[in-house]
Protein backbone atom coordinates (compact mmCIF):
# COMPACT_ATOMS: atom_id res chain seq x y z
CA MET A 1 108.07 74.62 136.61
CA ILE A 2 106.03 77.40 134.45
CA ASP A 3 103.22 76.35 132.69
CA PHE A 4 103.65 78.19 129.36
CA ARG A 5 100.25 77.05 127.78
CA ARG A 6 98.29 78.45 130.90
CA LEU A 7 100.73 81.28 130.74
CA GLN A 8 99.88 82.11 127.07
CA GLN A 9 95.86 81.49 127.85
CA VAL A 10 96.04 84.17 130.90
CA SER A 11 98.12 86.50 128.67
CA PHE A 12 95.52 86.27 126.04
CA SER A 13 92.53 86.66 128.52
CA VAL A 14 94.26 89.92 129.92
CA LEU A 15 94.85 91.38 126.41
CA PHE A 16 91.14 90.24 125.61
CA VAL A 17 89.82 92.35 128.73
CA VAL A 18 92.37 95.19 128.12
CA PHE A 19 91.37 95.75 124.38
CA PHE A 20 87.80 95.86 125.39
CA LEU A 21 88.54 98.43 128.05
CA CYS A 22 90.19 100.66 125.83
CA ALA A 23 87.77 100.44 122.88
CA HIS A 24 84.90 101.01 125.63
CA PHE A 25 86.53 104.18 126.96
CA LEU A 26 87.48 105.35 123.51
CA ILE A 27 83.87 105.23 122.38
CA ARG A 28 82.78 107.08 125.68
CA LEU A 29 85.50 109.74 125.01
CA GLY A 30 84.33 110.11 121.29
CA ILE A 31 80.70 110.44 122.32
CA MET A 32 81.54 113.03 125.28
CA ILE A 33 83.25 115.06 122.87
CA SER A 34 80.45 114.91 120.35
CA LEU A 35 77.71 115.26 122.95
CA PRO A 36 74.89 113.87 120.81
CA SER A 37 71.30 114.73 122.19
CA GLY A 38 70.83 110.86 122.37
CA SER A 39 73.28 109.99 125.06
CA PHE A 40 72.41 109.74 128.67
CA CYS A 41 74.57 109.42 131.77
CA ASN A 42 72.77 107.02 134.19
CA PRO A 43 73.52 107.55 137.55
CA VAL A 44 71.29 104.86 139.05
CA GLY A 45 70.95 101.14 138.62
CA PRO A 46 70.19 99.12 135.55
CA PHE A 47 66.84 99.90 133.86
CA GLY A 48 66.64 103.05 135.86
CA ILE A 49 66.23 101.27 139.19
CA PHE A 50 67.30 103.27 141.96
CA LEU A 51 69.63 101.73 144.20
CA PRO A 52 72.41 103.14 146.75
CA GLU A 53 75.60 103.90 145.06
CA TRP A 54 77.32 101.60 147.64
CA LEU A 55 75.13 98.68 146.82
CA ILE A 56 75.56 99.00 143.08
CA ILE A 57 79.28 99.08 143.74
CA GLY A 58 79.18 96.29 146.05
CA ILE A 59 76.99 94.07 143.90
CA GLY A 60 79.29 94.97 140.77
CA PHE A 61 82.24 94.03 142.68
CA LEU A 62 80.98 90.64 143.94
CA SER A 63 79.58 89.82 140.27
CA LEU A 64 82.93 90.53 138.80
CA ALA A 65 84.81 88.46 141.38
CA PHE A 66 82.20 85.50 140.63
CA ILE A 67 82.82 85.79 136.70
CA PHE A 68 86.38 86.16 137.22
CA SER A 69 86.47 82.67 138.91
CA PHE A 70 84.91 81.00 136.08
CA VAL A 71 87.28 82.88 133.68
CA LEU A 72 90.10 81.00 135.72
CA ARG A 73 88.63 77.71 135.82
CA ASN A 74 88.06 77.25 132.20
CA GLN A 75 91.03 76.09 130.57
CA ASP A 76 90.36 76.37 126.73
CA PHE A 77 89.41 79.39 124.77
CA TYR A 78 86.04 78.06 123.74
CA SER A 79 84.68 77.60 127.12
CA ARG A 80 86.23 80.78 128.41
CA TRP A 81 85.15 83.33 125.85
CA PRO A 82 81.71 83.90 127.03
CA TRP A 83 82.76 84.50 130.71
CA LEU A 84 85.51 86.72 129.29
CA LEU A 85 82.64 88.97 127.50
CA LEU A 86 80.89 89.20 130.83
CA PHE A 87 83.78 90.15 132.68
CA SER A 88 84.90 92.72 130.12
CA ALA A 89 81.47 94.48 129.97
CA GLY A 90 80.95 94.22 133.69
CA LEU A 91 84.51 95.63 134.64
CA SER A 92 84.16 98.31 131.91
CA ASN A 93 80.73 99.43 133.34
CA PHE A 94 81.81 99.09 136.75
CA LEU A 95 84.92 101.16 136.20
CA GLU A 96 82.91 104.03 134.58
CA ARG A 97 80.71 104.06 137.60
CA ILE A 98 83.52 104.52 139.90
CA PHE A 99 85.45 107.07 137.63
CA PHE A 100 82.63 109.16 136.30
CA GLY A 101 79.75 108.41 138.86
CA CYS A 102 77.39 107.15 136.04
CA ILE A 103 77.39 105.09 132.96
CA LEU A 104 77.09 106.69 129.56
CA ASP A 105 74.07 105.13 127.61
CA TYR A 106 74.24 106.12 123.94
CA ILE A 107 72.28 103.32 122.04
CA SER A 108 68.64 104.01 121.56
CA VAL A 109 66.15 101.42 120.32
CA PRO A 110 62.52 102.34 120.38
CA SER A 111 60.29 101.05 123.24
CA PHE A 112 63.56 100.00 125.09
CA PRO A 113 65.92 101.73 127.57
CA LEU A 114 69.12 103.57 126.51
CA PHE A 115 71.95 101.20 126.71
CA ASN A 116 75.45 101.11 125.56
CA GLY A 117 78.26 98.82 123.91
CA ALA A 118 79.15 97.15 127.13
CA ASP A 119 75.52 96.14 127.90
CA VAL A 120 75.27 94.54 124.24
CA VAL A 121 78.71 92.60 124.84
CA LEU A 122 77.32 91.52 128.33
CA THR A 123 73.85 90.38 126.96
CA LEU A 124 75.86 88.36 124.20
CA GLY A 125 78.04 86.78 126.83
CA ALA A 126 75.03 85.66 129.02
CA PHE A 127 73.09 84.45 125.66
CA VAL A 128 76.11 82.16 124.74
CA LEU A 129 76.23 80.77 128.29
CA LEU A 130 72.49 80.25 128.41
CA ARG A 131 72.31 78.73 125.15
CA ARG A 132 75.21 76.24 126.11
CA SER A 133 73.45 75.26 129.33
CA LEU A 134 70.18 74.41 127.42
CA PHE A 135 72.05 72.49 124.76
CA SER A 136 74.49 70.60 127.15
CA SER A 137 71.29 69.43 129.49
CA LYS A 138 69.72 67.88 126.60
CA GLU A 139 72.65 65.72 125.87
């Protein structure tokens, strides 16, 4: 028998990821068209750490698979949304690296490396998960 509630949850999760990917790549397209001087296509790893491309892609794929397993495990949206943020942002950066060979960084904050919108979303998801784990362990 089809579990329509679970189907609805999975469908919403897929739509969430697709929406984020579309937004990410539309922003990237807009930045590439306007080519502001403050953007940079990062061909190396995070924070400018040089790693072989096969290693970056391998770690990215394994990380996405790990995060996706948590997305599938969580039954309610409250538990799942930070994992969806991590998965969506990670997948967008992963696909950008696969298709374009680099990740376009366009947000500049003084005394901090350039980053992009996906990095902000990834950080937000990680922050929410960290906060939840700290507060749930105190109970």
